[in-house]
Amino acid sequence: GPILILILVGCCALTLAELASVYPTAGGQYHWTSILA
């Protein structure tokens, strides 16, 4: 389970890391949604 979760959550973390490197705000996901939608 931890191996599978490393892969799956790892993809989530990589997605978040890319966006955070451009828009580092306390709002995080909802700020990015506002910008990208």
PDB file of all heavy atoms in Angstrom:
ATOM      1  N   GLY A   1       0.807  -1.214   0.000  1.00  0.00           N
ATOM      2  CA  GLY A   1       0.000   0.000   0.000  1.00  0.00           C
ATOM      3  C   GLY A   1       0.841   1.265   0.000  1.00  0.00           C
ATOM      4  O   GLY A   1       0.610   2.180  -0.821  1.00  0.00           O
ATOM      5  N   PRO A   2       1.849   1.387   0.894  1.00  0.00           N
ATOM      6  CA  PRO A   2       2.688   2.592   0.874  1.00  0.00           C
ATOM      7  C   PRO A   2       3.415   2.819  -0.442  1.00  0.00           C
ATOM      8  O   PRO A   2       3.618   3.967  -0.856  1.00  0.00           O
ATOM      9  CB  PRO A   2       3.679   2.322   2.021  1.00  0.00           C
ATOM     10  CG  PRO A   2       2.942   1.438   2.960  1.00  0.00           C
ATOM     11  CD  PRO A   2       2.114   0.549   2.076  1.00  0.00           C
ATOM     12  N   ILE A   3       3.802   1.734  -1.125  1.00  0.00           N
ATOM     13  CA  ILE A   3       4.477   1.887  -2.417  1.00  0.00           C
ATOM     14  C   ILE A   3       3.517   2.472  -3.446  1.00  0.00           C
ATOM     15  O   ILE A   3       3.851   3.406  -4.187  1.00  0.00           O
ATOM     16  CB  ILE A   3       5.029   0.530  -2.908  1.00  0.00           C
ATOM     17  CG1 ILE A   3       6.062  -0.013  -1.919  1.00  0.00           C
ATOM     18  CG2 ILE A   3       5.630   0.665  -4.303  1.00  0.00           C
ATOM     19  CD1 ILE A   3       6.553  -1.416  -2.244  1.00  0.00           C
ATOM     20  N   LEU A   4       2.296   1.910  -3.488  1.00  0.00           N
ATOM     21  CA  LEU A   4       1.285   2.425  -4.419  1.00  0.00           C
ATOM     22  C   LEU A   4       0.922   3.871  -4.095  1.00  0.00           C
ATOM     23  O   LEU A   4       0.809   4.716  -4.999  1.00  0.00           O
ATOM     24  CB  LEU A   4       0.035   1.533  -4.362  1.00  0.00           C
ATOM     25  CG  LEU A   4      -1.134   1.944  -5.258  1.00  0.00           C
ATOM     26  CD1 LEU A   4      -0.721   1.961  -6.724  1.00  0.00           C
ATOM     27  CD2 LEU A   4      -2.325   1.021  -5.049  1.00  0.00           C
ATOM     28  N   ILE A   5       0.777   4.160  -2.807  1.00  0.00           N
ATOM     29  CA  ILE A   5       0.416   5.523  -2.406  1.00  0.00           C
ATOM     30  C   ILE A   5       1.543   6.498  -2.705  1.00  0.00           C
ATOM     31  O   ILE A   5       1.297   7.659  -3.066  1.00  0.00           O
ATOM     32  CB  ILE A   5       0.055   5.562  -0.905  1.00  0.00           C
ATOM     33  CG1 ILE A   5      -1.269   4.820  -0.660  1.00  0.00           C
ATOM     34  CG2 ILE A   5      -0.051   6.992  -0.401  1.00  0.00           C
ATOM     35  CD1 ILE A   5      -2.470   5.443  -1.356  1.00  0.00           C
ATOM     36  N   LEU A   6       2.797   6.060  -2.585  1.00  0.00           N
ATOM     37  CA  LEU A   6       3.922   6.926  -2.953  1.00  0.00           C
ATOM     38  C   LEU A   6       3.786   7.384  -4.402  1.00  0.00           C
ATOM     39  O   LEU A   6       3.998   8.558  -4.719  1.00  0.00           O
ATOM     40  CB  LEU A   6       5.241   6.171  -2.771  1.00  0.00           C
ATOM     41  CG  LEU A   6       6.494   6.872  -3.337  1.00  0.00           C
ATOM     42  CD1 LEU A   6       6.814   8.127  -2.540  1.00  0.00           C
ATOM     43  CD2 LEU A   6       7.683   5.920  -3.377  1.00  0.00           C
ATOM     44  N   ILE A   7       3.421   6.453  -5.287  1.00  0.00           N
ATOM     45  CA  ILE A   7       3.279   6.791  -6.702  1.00  0.00           C
ATOM     46  C   ILE A   7       2.096   7.735  -6.922  1.00  0.00           C
ATOM     47  O   ILE A   7       2.217   8.765  -7.596  1.00  0.00           O
ATOM     48  CB  ILE A   7       3.106   5.511  -7.540  1.00  0.00           C
ATOM     49  CG1 ILE A   7       4.366   4.631  -7.432  1.00  0.00           C
ATOM     50  CG2 ILE A   7       2.815   5.851  -9.002  1.00  0.00           C
ATOM     51  CD1 ILE A   7       4.197   3.241  -8.026  1.00  0.00           C
ATOM     52  N   LEU A   8       0.956   7.387  -6.332  1.00  0.00           N
ATOM     53  CA  LEU A   8      -0.266   8.159  -6.574  1.00  0.00           C
ATOM     54  C   LEU A   8      -0.209   9.542  -5.922  1.00  0.00           C
ATOM     55  O   LEU A   8      -0.473  10.564  -6.568  1.00  0.00           O
ATOM     56  CB  LEU A   8      -1.474   7.379  -6.060  1.00  0.00           C
ATOM     57  CG  LEU A   8      -1.748   6.038  -6.765  1.00  0.00           C
ATOM     58  CD1 LEU A   8      -2.889   5.299  -6.088  1.00  0.00           C
ATOM     59  CD2 LEU A   8      -2.051   6.257  -8.240  1.00  0.00           C
ATOM     60  N   VAL A   9       0.127   9.580  -4.640  1.00  0.00           N
ATOM     61  CA  VAL A   9       0.217  10.880  -3.960  1.00  0.00           C
ATOM     62  C   VAL A   9       1.441  11.646  -4.466  1.00  0.00           C
ATOM     63  O   VAL A   9       1.442  12.883  -4.486  1.00  0.00           O
ATOM     64  CB  VAL A   9       0.267  10.695  -2.432  1.00  0.00           C
ATOM     65  CG1 VAL A   9       0.452  12.043  -1.729  1.00  0.00           C
ATOM     66  CG2 VAL A   9      -1.013  10.038  -1.935  1.00  0.00           C
ATOM     67  N   GLY A  10       2.480  10.899  -4.889  1.00  0.00           N
ATOM     68  CA  GLY A  10       3.639  11.559  -5.475  1.00  0.00           C
ATOM     69  C   GLY A  10       3.256  12.390  -6.691  1.00  0.00           C
ATOM     70  O   GLY A  10       3.749  13.508  -6.880  1.00  0.00           O
ATOM     71  N   CYS A  11       2.357  11.864  -7.513  1.00  0.00           N
ATOM     72  CA  CYS A  11       1.869  12.625  -8.670  1.00  0.00           C
ATOM     73  C   CYS A  11       1.117  13.874  -8.224  1.00  0.00           C
ATOM     74  O   CYS A  11       1.249  14.944  -8.824  1.00  0.00           O
ATOM     75  CB  CYS A  11       0.979  11.741  -9.533  1.00  0.00           C
ATOM     76  SG  CYS A  11       1.859  10.406 -10.380  1.00  0.00           S
ATOM     77  N   CYS A  12       0.328  13.743  -7.165  1.00  0.00           N
ATOM     78  CA  CYS A  12      -0.382  14.905  -6.618  1.00  0.00           C
ATOM     79  C   CYS A  12       0.614  15.950  -6.133  1.00  0.00           C
ATOM     80  O   CYS A  12       0.462  17.155  -6.400  1.00  0.00           O
ATOM     81  CB  CYS A  12      -1.280  14.481  -5.458  1.00  0.00           C
ATOM     82  SG  CYS A  12      -2.555  13.279  -5.865  1.00  0.00           S
ATOM     83  N   ALA A  13       1.657  15.508  -5.395  1.00  0.00           N
ATOM     84  CA  ALA A  13       2.641  16.432  -4.849  1.00  0.00           C
ATOM     85  C   ALA A  13       3.420  17.141  -5.955  1.00  0.00           C
ATOM     86  O   ALA A  13       3.720  18.341  -5.846  1.00  0.00           O
ATOM     87  CB  ALA A  13       3.591  15.679  -3.921  1.00  0.00           C
ATOM     88  N   LEU A  14       3.740  16.421  -7.028  1.00  0.00           N
ATOM     89  CA  LEU A  14       4.448  17.038  -8.150  1.00  0.00           C
ATOM     90  C   LEU A  14       3.571  18.095  -8.832  1.00  0.00           C
ATOM     91  O   LEU A  14       4.052  19.165  -9.225  1.00  0.00           O
ATOM     92  CB  LEU A  14       4.863  15.970  -9.160  1.00  0.00           C
ATOM     93  CG  LEU A  14       5.996  15.038  -8.707  1.00  0.00           C
ATOM     94  CD1 LEU A  14       6.116  13.848  -9.659  1.00  0.00           C
ATOM     95  CD2 LEU A  14       7.314  15.788  -8.629  1.00  0.00           C
ATOM     96  N   THR A  15       2.291  17.801  -8.951  1.00  0.00           N
ATOM     97  CA  THR A  15       1.350  18.773  -9.513  1.00  0.00           C
ATOM     98  C   THR A  15       1.301  20.028  -8.659  1.00  0.00           C
ATOM     99  O   THR A  15       1.371  21.163  -9.161  1.00  0.00           O
ATOM    100  CB  THR A  15      -0.058  18.161  -9.619  1.00  0.00           C
ATOM    101  OG1 THR A  15      -0.035  17.069 -10.539  1.00  0.00           O
ATOM    102  CG2 THR A  15      -1.081  19.188 -10.082  1.00  0.00           C
ATOM    103  N   LEU A  16       1.184  19.846  -7.342  1.00  0.00           N
ATOM    104  CA  LEU A  16       1.130  20.980  -6.423  1.00  0.00           C
ATOM    105  C   LEU A  16       2.436  21.768  -6.440  1.00  0.00           C
ATOM    106  O   LEU A  16       2.427  23.010  -6.381  1.00  0.00           O
ATOM    107  CB  LEU A  16       0.841  20.490  -4.999  1.00  0.00           C
ATOM    108  CG  LEU A  16      -0.461  19.720  -4.772  1.00  0.00           C
ATOM    109  CD1 LEU A  16      -0.563  19.268  -3.320  1.00  0.00           C
ATOM    110  CD2 LEU A  16      -1.676  20.562  -5.151  1.00  0.00           C
ATOM    111  N   ALA A  17       3.559  21.058  -6.511  1.00  0.00           N
ATOM    112  CA  ALA A  17       4.860  21.720  -6.464  1.00  0.00           C
ATOM    113  C   ALA A  17       5.064  22.638  -7.669  1.00  0.00           C
ATOM    114  O   ALA A  17       5.600  23.751  -7.536  1.00  0.00           O
ATOM    115  CB  ALA A  17       5.974  20.673  -6.397  1.00  0.00           C
ATOM    116  N   GLU A  18       4.642  22.188  -8.838  1.00  0.00           N
ATOM    117  CA  GLU A  18       4.771  23.034 -10.033  1.00  0.00           C
ATOM    118  C   GLU A  18       3.976  24.323  -9.879  1.00  0.00           C
ATOM    119  O   GLU A  18       4.468  25.416 -10.168  1.00  0.00           O
ATOM    120  CB  GLU A  18       4.280  22.268 -11.266  1.00  0.00           C
ATOM    121  CG  GLU A  18       5.335  21.456 -11.957  1.00  0.00           C
ATOM    122  CD  GLU A  18       4.999  21.201 -13.420  1.00  0.00           C
ATOM    123  OE1 GLU A  18       3.907  20.692 -13.700  1.00  0.00           O
ATOM    124  OE2 GLU A  18       5.850  21.510 -14.271  1.00  0.00           O
ATOM    125  N   LEU A  19       2.747  24.203  -9.441  1.00  0.00           N
ATOM    126  CA  LEU A  19       1.905  25.384  -9.288  1.00  0.00           C
ATOM    127  C   LEU A  19       2.403  26.284  -8.158  1.00  0.00           C
ATOM    128  O   LEU A  19       2.367  27.515  -8.260  1.00  0.00           O
ATOM    129  CB  LEU A  19       0.458  24.950  -9.037  1.00  0.00           C
ATOM    130  CG  LEU A  19      -0.266  24.402 -10.275  1.00  0.00           C
ATOM    131  CD1 LEU A  19      -1.526  23.637  -9.891  1.00  0.00           C
ATOM    132  CD2 LEU A  19      -0.608  25.538 -11.243  1.00  0.00           C
ATOM    133  N   ALA A  20       2.889  25.682  -7.074  1.00  0.00           N
ATOM    134  CA  ALA A  20       3.387  26.472  -5.953  1.00  0.00           C
ATOM    135  C   ALA A  20       4.633  27.252  -6.325  1.00  0.00           C
ATOM    136  O   ALA A  20       4.901  28.321  -5.766  1.00  0.00           O
ATOM    137  CB  ALA A  20       3.682  25.565  -4.756  1.00  0.00           C
ATOM    138  N   SER A  21       5.411  26.749  -7.267  1.00  0.00           N
ATOM    139  CA  SER A  21       6.614  27.459  -7.690  1.00  0.00           C
ATOM    140  C   SER A  21       6.288  28.713  -8.497  1.00  0.00           C
ATOM    141  O   SER A  21       7.139  29.582  -8.677  1.00  0.00           O
ATOM    142  CB  SER A  21       7.507  26.531  -8.522  1.00  0.00           C
ATOM    143  OG  SER A  21       6.918  26.242  -9.779  1.00  0.00           O
ATOM    144  N   VAL A  22       5.049  28.811  -8.968  1.00  0.00           N
ATOM    145  CA  VAL A  22       4.618  29.978  -9.738  1.00  0.00           C
ATOM    146  C   VAL A  22       3.711  30.891  -8.913  1.00  0.00           C
ATOM    147  O   VAL A  22       3.840  32.115  -8.941  1.00  0.00           O
ATOM    148  CB  VAL A  22       3.869  29.545 -11.019  1.00  0.00           C
ATOM    149  CG1 VAL A  22       3.492  30.769 -11.859  1.00  0.00           C
ATOM    150  CG2 VAL A  22       4.713  28.586 -11.829  1.00  0.00           C
ATOM    151  N   TYR A  23       2.792  30.275  -8.143  1.00  0.00           N
ATOM    152  CA  TYR A  23       1.814  31.044  -7.365  1.00  0.00           C
ATOM    153  C   TYR A  23       1.853  30.615  -5.896  1.00  0.00           C
ATOM    154  O   TYR A  23       0.962  29.892  -5.431  1.00  0.00           O
ATOM    155  CB  TYR A  23       0.400  30.831  -7.911  1.00  0.00           C
ATOM    156  CG  TYR A  23       0.274  30.956  -9.410  1.00  0.00           C
ATOM    157  CD1 TYR A  23       0.087  29.826 -10.214  1.00  0.00           C
ATOM    158  CD2 TYR A  23       0.344  32.196 -10.033  1.00  0.00           C
ATOM    159  CE1 TYR A  23      -0.035  29.926 -11.584  1.00  0.00           C
ATOM    160  CE2 TYR A  23       0.222  32.308 -11.417  1.00  0.00           C
ATOM    161  CZ  TYR A  23       0.033  31.175 -12.182  1.00  0.00           C
ATOM    162  OH  TYR A  23      -0.078  31.287 -13.546  1.00  0.00           O
ATOM    163  N   PRO A  24       2.883  30.999  -5.141  1.00  0.00           N
ATOM    164  CA  PRO A  24       2.953  30.591  -3.731  1.00  0.00           C
ATOM    165  C   PRO A  24       2.117  31.504  -2.841  1.00  0.00           C
ATOM    166  O   PRO A  24       2.604  32.516  -2.331  1.00  0.00           O
ATOM    167  CB  PRO A  24       4.449  30.709  -3.415  1.00  0.00           C
ATOM    168  CG  PRO A  24       4.935  31.798  -4.323  1.00  0.00           C
ATOM    169  CD  PRO A  24       4.090  31.739  -5.566  1.00  0.00           C
ATOM    170  N   THR A  25       0.858  31.176  -2.668  1.00  0.00           N
ATOM    171  CA  THR A  25      -0.024  31.960  -1.805  1.00  0.00           C
ATOM    172  C   THR A  25      -0.672  31.032  -0.779  1.00  0.00           C
ATOM    173  O   THR A  25      -0.757  29.816  -0.971  1.00  0.00           O
ATOM    174  CB  THR A  25      -1.146  32.646  -2.613  1.00  0.00           C
ATOM    175  OG1 THR A  25      -2.106  31.663  -3.026  1.00  0.00           O
ATOM    176  CG2 THR A  25      -0.589  33.361  -3.832  1.00  0.00           C
ATOM    177  N   ALA A  26      -1.159  31.624   0.317  1.00  0.00           N
ATOM    178  CA  ALA A  26      -1.781  30.829   1.375  1.00  0.00           C
ATOM    179  C   ALA A  26      -3.040  30.126   0.896  1.00  0.00           C
ATOM    180  O   ALA A  26      -3.432  29.100   1.449  1.00  0.00           O
ATOM    181  CB  ALA A  26      -2.110  31.725   2.578  1.00  0.00           C
ATOM    182  N   GLY A  27      -3.666  30.659  -0.146  1.00  0.00           N
ATOM    183  CA  GLY A  27      -4.885  30.039  -0.665  1.00  0.00           C
ATOM    184  C   GLY A  27      -4.623  28.728  -1.382  1.00  0.00           C
ATOM    185  O   GLY A  27      -5.514  27.881  -1.478  1.00  0.00           O
ATOM    186  N   GLY A  28      -3.428  28.567  -1.918  1.00  0.00           N
ATOM    187  CA  GLY A  28      -3.082  27.315  -2.567  1.00  0.00           C
ATOM    188  C   GLY A  28      -4.052  26.923  -3.669  1.00  0.00           C
ATOM    189  O   GLY A  28      -4.260  27.665  -4.638  1.00  0.00           O
ATOM    190  N   GLN A  29      -4.683  25.762  -3.501  1.00  0.00           N
ATOM    191  CA  GLN A  29      -5.487  25.171  -4.565  1.00  0.00           C
ATOM    192  C   GLN A  29      -6.614  26.074  -5.048  1.00  0.00           C
ATOM    193  O   GLN A  29      -6.888  26.130  -6.249  1.00  0.00           O
ATOM    194  CB  GLN A  29      -6.083  23.835  -4.095  1.00  0.00           C
ATOM    195  CG  GLN A  29      -5.055  22.770  -3.782  1.00  0.00           C
ATOM    196  CD  GLN A  29      -4.697  22.709  -2.316  1.00  0.00           C
ATOM    197  OE1 GLN A  29      -4.248  23.686  -1.735  1.00  0.00           O
ATOM    198  NE2 GLN A  29      -4.913  21.550  -1.686  1.00  0.00           N
ATOM    199  N   TYR A  30      -7.285  26.782  -4.135  1.00  0.00           N
ATOM    200  CA  TYR A  30      -8.431  27.567  -4.608  1.00  0.00           C
ATOM    201  C   TYR A  30      -7.974  28.839  -5.321  1.00  0.00           C
ATOM    202  O   TYR A  30      -8.668  29.342  -6.217  1.00  0.00           O
ATOM    203  CB  TYR A  30      -9.416  27.848  -3.463  1.00  0.00           C
ATOM    204  CG  TYR A  30      -9.155  29.077  -2.634  1.00  0.00           C
ATOM    205  CD1 TYR A  30      -9.676  30.315  -2.992  1.00  0.00           C
ATOM    206  CD2 TYR A  30      -8.433  29.011  -1.446  1.00  0.00           C
ATOM    207  CE1 TYR A  30      -9.464  31.447  -2.219  1.00  0.00           C
ATOM    208  CE2 TYR A  30      -8.221  30.116  -0.661  1.00  0.00           C
ATOM    209  CZ  TYR A  30      -8.732  31.339  -1.045  1.00  0.00           C
ATOM    210  OH  TYR A  30      -8.521  32.454  -0.262  1.00  0.00           O
ATOM    211  N   HIS A  31      -6.815  29.368  -4.957  1.00  0.00           N
ATOM    212  CA  HIS A  31      -6.267  30.497  -5.707  1.00  0.00           C
ATOM    213  C   HIS A  31      -5.878  30.062  -7.113  1.00  0.00           C
ATOM    214  O   HIS A  31      -6.131  30.767  -8.095  1.00  0.00           O
ATOM    215  CB  HIS A  31      -5.048  31.070  -4.981  1.00  0.00           C
ATOM    216  CG  HIS A  31      -5.403  32.125  -3.982  1.00  0.00           C
ATOM    217  ND1 HIS A  31      -4.476  32.705  -3.138  1.00  0.00           N
ATOM    218  CD2 HIS A  31      -6.578  32.718  -3.674  1.00  0.00           C
ATOM    219  CE1 HIS A  31      -5.071  33.593  -2.358  1.00  0.00           C
ATOM    220  NE2 HIS A  31      -6.347  33.607  -2.665  1.00  0.00           N
ATOM    221  N   TRP A  32      -5.265  28.885  -7.235  1.00  0.00           N
ATOM    222  CA  TRP A  32      -4.885  28.392  -8.552  1.00  0.00           C
ATOM    223  C   TRP A  32      -6.122  28.127  -9.405  1.00  0.00           C
ATOM    224  O   TRP A  32      -6.116  28.368 -10.612  1.00  0.00           O
ATOM    225  CB  TRP A  32      -4.067  27.115  -8.419  1.00  0.00           C
ATOM    226  CG  TRP A  32      -2.870  27.258  -7.536  1.00  0.00           C
ATOM    227  CD1 TRP A  32      -2.206  28.424  -7.233  1.00  0.00           C
ATOM    228  CD2 TRP A  32      -2.190  26.220  -6.833  1.00  0.00           C
ATOM    229  NE1 TRP A  32      -1.166  28.160  -6.381  1.00  0.00           N
ATOM    230  CE2 TRP A  32      -1.117  26.826  -6.112  1.00  0.00           C
ATOM    231  CE3 TRP A  32      -2.364  24.846  -6.737  1.00  0.00           C
ATOM    232  CZ2 TRP A  32      -0.245  26.093  -5.319  1.00  0.00           C
ATOM    233  CZ3 TRP A  32      -1.497  24.114  -5.950  1.00  0.00           C
ATOM    234  CH2 TRP A  32      -0.445  24.728  -5.254  1.00  0.00           C
ATOM    235  N   THR A  33      -7.165  27.620  -8.763  1.00  0.00           N
ATOM    236  CA  THR A  33      -8.415  27.378  -9.492  1.00  0.00           C
ATOM    237  C   THR A  33      -8.986  28.693 -10.016  1.00  0.00           C
ATOM    238  O   THR A  33      -9.444  28.777 -11.164  1.00  0.00           O
ATOM    239  CB  THR A  33      -9.440  26.690  -8.578  1.00  0.00           C
ATOM    240  OG1 THR A  33      -8.919  25.428  -8.153  1.00  0.00           O
ATOM    241  CG2 THR A  33     -10.765  26.477  -9.297  1.00  0.00           C
ATOM    242  N   SER A  34      -8.941  29.735  -9.194  1.00  0.00           N
ATOM    243  CA  SER A  34      -9.437  31.043  -9.610  1.00  0.00           C
ATOM    244  C   SER A  34      -8.647  31.581 -10.793  1.00  0.00           C
ATOM    245  O   SER A  34      -9.210  32.171 -11.720  1.00  0.00           O
ATOM    246  CB  SER A  34      -9.350  32.022  -8.433  1.00  0.00           C
ATOM    247  OG  SER A  34      -9.791  33.313  -8.805  1.00  0.00           O
ATOM    248  N   ILE A  35      -7.344  31.355 -10.772  1.00  0.00           N
ATOM    249  CA  ILE A  35      -6.479  31.857 -11.836  1.00  0.00           C
ATOM    250  C   ILE A  35      -6.674  31.081 -13.131  1.00  0.00           C
ATOM    251  O   ILE A  35      -6.729  31.662 -14.222  1.00  0.00           O
ATOM    252  CB  ILE A  35      -5.002  31.775 -11.384  1.00  0.00           C
ATOM    253  CG1 ILE A  35      -4.743  32.748 -10.231  1.00  0.00           C
ATOM    254  CG2 ILE A  35      -4.052  32.071 -12.545  1.00  0.00           C
ATOM    255  CD1 ILE A  35      -3.451  32.484  -9.484  1.00  0.00           C
ATOM    256  N   LEU A  36      -6.793  29.761 -13.032  1.00  0.00           N
ATOM    257  CA  LEU A  36      -6.803  28.898 -14.221  1.00  0.00           C
ATOM    258  C   LEU A  36      -8.186  28.703 -14.837  1.00  0.00           C
ATOM    259  O   LEU A  36      -8.294  28.369 -16.017  1.00  0.00           O
ATOM    260  CB  LEU A  36      -6.225  27.523 -13.857  1.00  0.00           C
ATOM    261  CG  LEU A  36      -4.749  27.489 -13.446  1.00  0.00           C
ATOM    262  CD1 LEU A  36      -4.396  26.123 -12.863  1.00  0.00           C
ATOM    263  CD2 LEU A  36      -3.849  27.811 -14.622  1.00  0.00           C
ATOM    264  N   ALA A  37      -9.243  28.866 -14.055  1.00  0.00           N
ATOM    265  CA  ALA A  37     -10.597  28.588 -14.548  1.00  0.00           C
ATOM    266  C   ALA A  37     -11.047  29.644 -15.552  1.00  0.00           C
ATOM    267  O   ALA A  37     -10.597  30.794 -15.506  1.00  0.00           O
ATOM    268  CB  ALA A  37     -11.570  28.542 -13.372  1.00  0.00           C
TER     269      ALA A  37
END
